[in-house]
Amino acid sequence: IKLKKEVRLKKTMFNWAIGIGGKYKQAEGILNNTLPLFDKADYAPERNNPS
């Protein structure tokens, strides 16, 4: 039973570290302006096209 707990703990720690790495990568992209916080197309003012 102790071995199973150790394996479960190691898996949890590994997945936690992977999650932290993903968040770091996302934050780095935002800071370097390579990953925008939001899609500008979604927030662009709509233009009225006269027919």
PDB file of N, CA and C in Angstrom:
ATOM      1  N   ILE A   1       0.837  -1.195   0.000  1.00  0.00           N
ATOM      2  CA  ILE A   1       0.000   0.000   0.000  1.00  0.00           C
ATOM      3  C   ILE A   1       0.875   1.248   0.000  1.00  0.00           C
ATOM      4  N   LYS A   2       1.989   1.202   0.727  1.00  0.00           N
ATOM      5  CA  LYS A   2       2.883   2.358   0.786  1.00  0.00           C
ATOM      6  C   LYS A   2       3.438   2.682  -0.601  1.00  0.00           C
ATOM      7  N   LEU A   3       3.762   1.646  -1.369  1.00  0.00           N
ATOM      8  CA  LEU A   3       4.294   1.851  -2.715  1.00  0.00           C
ATOM      9  C   LEU A   3       3.266   2.553  -3.595  1.00  0.00           C
ATOM     10  N   LYS A   4       2.000   2.164  -3.497  1.00  0.00           N
ATOM     11  CA  LYS A   4       0.950   2.799  -4.293  1.00  0.00           C
ATOM     12  C   LYS A   4       0.814   4.274  -3.935  1.00  0.00           C
ATOM     13  N   LYS A   5       0.927   4.586  -2.651  1.00  0.00           N
ATOM     14  CA  LYS A   5       0.831   5.982  -2.227  1.00  0.00           C
ATOM     15  C   LYS A   5       1.991   6.794  -2.780  1.00  0.00           C
ATOM     16  N   GLU A   6       3.186   6.198  -2.784  1.00  0.00           N
ATOM     17  CA  GLU A   6       4.355   6.904  -3.317  1.00  0.00           C
ATOM     18  C   GLU A   6       4.206   7.154  -4.809  1.00  0.00           C
ATOM     19  N   VAL A   7       3.717   6.154  -5.527  1.00  0.00           N
ATOM     20  CA  VAL A   7       3.529   6.308  -6.971  1.00  0.00           C
ATOM     21  C   VAL A   7       2.475   7.375  -7.242  1.00  0.00           C
ATOM     22  N   ARG A   8       1.401   7.358  -6.483  1.00  0.00           N
ATOM     23  CA  ARG A   8       0.337   8.344  -6.655  1.00  0.00           C
ATOM     24  C   ARG A   8       0.863   9.746  -6.355  1.00  0.00           C
ATOM     25  N   LEU A   9       1.669   9.863  -5.312  1.00  0.00           N
ATOM     26  CA  LEU A   9       2.250  11.159  -4.957  1.00  0.00           C
ATOM     27  C   LEU A   9       3.186  11.657  -6.057  1.00  0.00           C
ATOM     28  N   LYS A  10       4.005  10.760  -6.603  1.00  0.00           N
ATOM     29  CA  LYS A  10       4.924  11.151  -7.677  1.00  0.00           C
ATOM     30  C   LYS A  10       4.155  11.594  -8.915  1.00  0.00           C
ATOM     31  N   LYS A  11       3.071  10.884  -9.248  1.00  0.00           N
ATOM     32  CA  LYS A  11       2.253  11.264 -10.405  1.00  0.00           C
ATOM     33  C   LYS A  11       1.625  12.632 -10.181  1.00  0.00           C
ATOM     34  N   THR A  12       1.124  12.859  -8.971  1.00  0.00           N
ATOM     35  CA  THR A  12       0.506  14.144  -8.648  1.00  0.00           C
ATOM     36  C   THR A  12       1.522  15.273  -8.757  1.00  0.00           C
ATOM     37  N   MET A  13       2.714  15.053  -8.221  1.00  0.00           N
ATOM     38  CA  MET A  13       3.761  16.075  -8.287  1.00  0.00           C
ATOM     39  C   MET A  13       4.180  16.336  -9.731  1.00  0.00           C
ATOM     40  N   PHE A  14       4.268  15.287 -10.523  1.00  0.00           N
ATOM     41  CA  PHE A  14       4.645  15.431 -11.927  1.00  0.00           C
ATOM     42  C   PHE A  14       3.591  16.251 -12.674  1.00  0.00           C
ATOM     43  N   ASN A  15       2.325  15.896 -12.493  1.00  0.00           N
ATOM     44  CA  ASN A  15       1.249  16.619 -13.174  1.00  0.00           C
ATOM     45  C   ASN A  15       1.175  18.069 -12.710  1.00  0.00           C
ATOM     46  N   TRP A  16       1.439  18.313 -11.431  1.00  0.00           N
ATOM     47  CA  TRP A  16       1.450  19.668 -10.895  1.00  0.00           C
ATOM     48  C   TRP A  16       2.566  20.476 -11.556  1.00  0.00           C
ATOM     49  N   ALA A  17       3.743  19.866 -11.690  1.00  0.00           N
ATOM     50  CA  ALA A  17       4.877  20.552 -12.313  1.00  0.00           C
ATOM     51  C   ALA A  17       4.593  20.854 -13.782  1.00  0.00           C
ATOM     52  N   ILE A  18       3.952  19.925 -14.474  1.00  0.00           N
ATOM     53  CA  ILE A  18       3.592  20.151 -15.876  1.00  0.00           C
ATOM     54  C   ILE A  18       2.619  21.325 -15.977  1.00  0.00           C
ATOM     55  N   GLY A  19       1.664  21.386 -15.067  1.00  0.00           N
ATOM     56  CA  GLY A  19       0.703  22.492 -15.056  1.00  0.00           C
ATOM     57  C   GLY A  19       1.377  23.830 -14.816  1.00  0.00           C
ATOM     58  N   ILE A  20       2.323  23.866 -13.880  1.00  0.00           N
ATOM     59  CA  ILE A  20       3.072  25.097 -13.598  1.00  0.00           C
ATOM     60  C   ILE A  20       3.861  25.516 -14.835  1.00  0.00           C
ATOM     61  N   GLY A  21       4.470  24.547 -15.513  1.00  0.00           N
ATOM     62  CA  GLY A  21       5.230  24.848 -16.726  1.00  0.00           C
ATOM     63  C   GLY A  21       4.347  25.440 -17.812  1.00  0.00           C
ATOM     64  N   GLY A  22       3.146  24.913 -17.950  1.00  0.00           N
ATOM     65  CA  GLY A  22       2.210  25.437 -18.945  1.00  0.00           C
ATOM     66  C   GLY A  22       1.798  26.866 -18.638  1.00  0.00           C
ATOM     67  N   LYS A  23       1.545  27.145 -17.366  1.00  0.00           N
ATOM     68  CA  LYS A  23       1.164  28.503 -16.967  1.00  0.00           C
ATOM     69  C   LYS A  23       2.326  29.466 -17.183  1.00  0.00           C
ATOM     70  N   TYR A  24       3.550  29.020 -16.899  1.00  0.00           N
ATOM     71  CA  TYR A  24       4.733  29.854 -17.108  1.00  0.00           C
ATOM     72  C   TYR A  24       4.891  30.179 -18.589  1.00  0.00           C
ATOM     73  N   LYS A  25       4.705  29.165 -19.430  1.00  0.00           N
ATOM     74  CA  LYS A  25       4.849  29.351 -20.871  1.00  0.00           C
ATOM     75  C   LYS A  25       3.812  30.346 -21.385  1.00  0.00           C
ATOM     76  N   GLN A  26       2.579  30.243 -20.880  1.00  0.00           N
ATOM     77  CA  GLN A  26       1.519  31.160 -21.287  1.00  0.00           C
ATOM     78  C   GLN A  26       1.843  32.585 -20.833  1.00  0.00           C
ATOM     79  N   ALA A  27       2.295  32.737 -19.599  1.00  0.00           N
ATOM     80  CA  ALA A  27       2.643  34.066 -19.086  1.00  0.00           C
ATOM     81  C   ALA A  27       3.805  34.661 -19.870  1.00  0.00           C
ATOM     82  N   GLU A  28       4.766  33.832 -20.223  1.00  0.00           N
ATOM     83  CA  GLU A  28       5.915  34.301 -20.997  1.00  0.00           C
ATOM     84  C   GLU A  28       5.457  34.792 -22.369  1.00  0.00           C
ATOM     85  N   GLY A  29       4.530  34.078 -22.975  1.00  0.00           N
ATOM     86  CA  GLY A  29       4.000  34.492 -24.272  1.00  0.00           C
ATOM     87  C   GLY A  29       3.253  35.809 -24.195  1.00  0.00           C
ATOM     88  N   ILE A  30       2.513  36.012 -23.110  1.00  0.00           N
ATOM     89  CA  ILE A  30       1.788  37.269 -22.922  1.00  0.00           C
ATOM     90  C   ILE A  30       2.779  38.417 -22.739  1.00  0.00           C
ATOM     91  N   LEU A  31       3.816  38.200 -21.934  1.00  0.00           N
ATOM     92  CA  LEU A  31       4.810  39.251 -21.696  1.00  0.00           C
ATOM     93  C   LEU A  31       5.585  39.599 -22.959  1.00  0.00           C
ATOM     94  N   ASN A  32       5.857  38.606 -23.795  1.00  0.00           N
ATOM     95  CA  ASN A  32       6.616  38.843 -25.027  1.00  0.00           C
ATOM     96  C   ASN A  32       5.719  39.294 -26.171  1.00  0.00           C
ATOM     97  N   ASN A  33       4.427  39.446 -25.881  1.00  0.00           N
ATOM     98  CA  ASN A  33       3.434  39.866 -26.870  1.00  0.00           C
ATOM     99  C   ASN A  33       3.321  38.877 -28.028  1.00  0.00           C
ATOM    100  N   THR A  34       3.592  37.603 -27.763  1.00  0.00           N
ATOM    101  CA  THR A  34       3.401  36.580 -28.785  1.00  0.00           C
ATOM    102  C   THR A  34       2.122  35.796 -28.535  1.00  0.00           C
ATOM    103  N   LEU A  35       1.544  35.982 -27.359  1.00  0.00           N
ATOM    104  CA  LEU A  35       0.290  35.310 -27.013  1.00  0.00           C
ATOM    105  C   LEU A  35      -0.647  36.369 -26.443  1.00  0.00           C
ATOM    106  N   PRO A  36      -1.579  36.866 -27.251  1.00  0.00           N
ATOM    107  CA  PRO A  36      -2.452  37.938 -26.765  1.00  0.00           C
ATOM    108  C   PRO A  36      -3.384  37.451 -25.661  1.00  0.00           C
ATOM    109  N   LEU A  37      -3.785  38.369 -24.793  1.00  0.00           N
ATOM    110  CA  LEU A  37      -4.712  38.028 -23.716  1.00  0.00           C
ATOM    111  C   LEU A  37      -6.096  37.697 -24.259  1.00  0.00           C
ATOM    112  N   PHE A  38      -6.469  38.322 -25.365  1.00  0.00           N
ATOM    113  CA  PHE A  38      -7.764  38.064 -25.980  1.00  0.00           C
ATOM    114  C   PHE A  38      -7.622  38.249 -27.478  1.00  0.00           C
ATOM    115  N   ASP A  39      -8.567  37.718 -28.218  1.00  0.00           N
ATOM    116  CA  ASP A  39      -8.550  37.834 -29.668  1.00  0.00           C
ATOM    117  C   ASP A  39      -9.071  39.217 -30.051  1.00  0.00           C
ATOM    118  N   LYS A  40      -8.241  39.999 -30.675  1.00  0.00           N
ATOM    119  CA  LYS A  40      -8.631  41.366 -31.025  1.00  0.00           C
ATOM    120  C   LYS A  40      -9.810  41.389 -31.989  1.00  0.00           C
ATOM    121  N   ALA A  41      -9.951  40.382 -32.823  1.00  0.00           N
ATOM    122  CA  ALA A  41     -11.058  40.339 -33.777  1.00  0.00           C
ATOM    123  C   ALA A  41     -12.400  40.271 -33.057  1.00  0.00           C
ATOM    124  N   ASP A  42     -12.431  39.637 -31.907  1.00  0.00           N
ATOM    125  CA  ASP A  42     -13.678  39.531 -31.147  1.00  0.00           C
ATOM    126  C   ASP A  42     -14.091  40.867 -30.550  1.00  0.00           C
ATOM    127  N   TYR A  43     -13.142  41.756 -30.307  1.00  0.00           N
ATOM    128  CA  TYR A  43     -13.428  43.019 -29.639  1.00  0.00           C
ATOM    129  C   TYR A  43     -13.291  44.226 -30.561  1.00  0.00           C
ATOM    130  N   ALA A  44     -13.072  43.980 -31.842  1.00  0.00           N
ATOM    131  CA  ALA A  44     -12.947  45.084 -32.787  1.00  0.00           C
ATOM    132  C   ALA A  44     -14.324  45.712 -32.997  1.00  0.00           C
ATOM    133  N   PRO A  45     -14.379  47.034 -33.091  1.00  0.00           N
ATOM    134  CA  PRO A  45     -15.691  47.662 -33.346  1.00  0.00           C
ATOM    135  C   PRO A  45     -16.206  47.263 -34.717  1.00  0.00           C
ATOM    136  N   GLU A  46     -17.486  46.977 -34.753  1.00  0.00           N
ATOM    137  CA  GLU A  46     -18.078  46.561 -36.030  1.00  0.00           C
ATOM    138  C   GLU A  46     -18.219  47.784 -36.926  1.00  0.00           C
ATOM    139  N   ARG A  47     -17.901  47.603 -38.170  1.00  0.00           N
ATOM    140  CA  ARG A  47     -18.012  48.694 -39.136  1.00  0.00           C
ATOM    141  C   ARG A  47     -19.344  48.565 -39.863  1.00  0.00           C
ATOM    142  N   ASN A  48     -19.961  49.694 -40.091  1.00  0.00           N
ATOM    143  CA  ASN A  48     -21.209  49.694 -40.851  1.00  0.00           C
ATOM    144  C   ASN A  48     -20.860  49.794 -42.322  1.00  0.00           C
ATOM    145  N   ASN A  49     -21.241  48.790 -43.065  1.00  0.00           N
ATOM    146  CA  ASN A  49     -20.978  48.781 -44.499  1.00  0.00           C
ATOM    147  C   ASN A  49     -22.232  49.255 -45.224  1.00  0.00           C
ATOM    148  N   PRO A  50     -22.192  50.465 -45.775  1.00  0.00           N
ATOM    149  CA  PRO A  50     -23.389  50.925 -46.510  1.00  0.00           C
ATOM    150  C   PRO A  50     -23.578  50.107 -47.773  1.00  0.00           C
ATOM    151  N   SER A  51     -24.795  49.723 -48.021  1.00  0.00           N
ATOM    152  CA  SER A  51     -25.095  48.899 -49.202  1.00  0.00           C
ATOM    153  C   SER A  51     -25.381  49.772 -50.395  1.00  0.00           C
TER     154      SER A  51
END
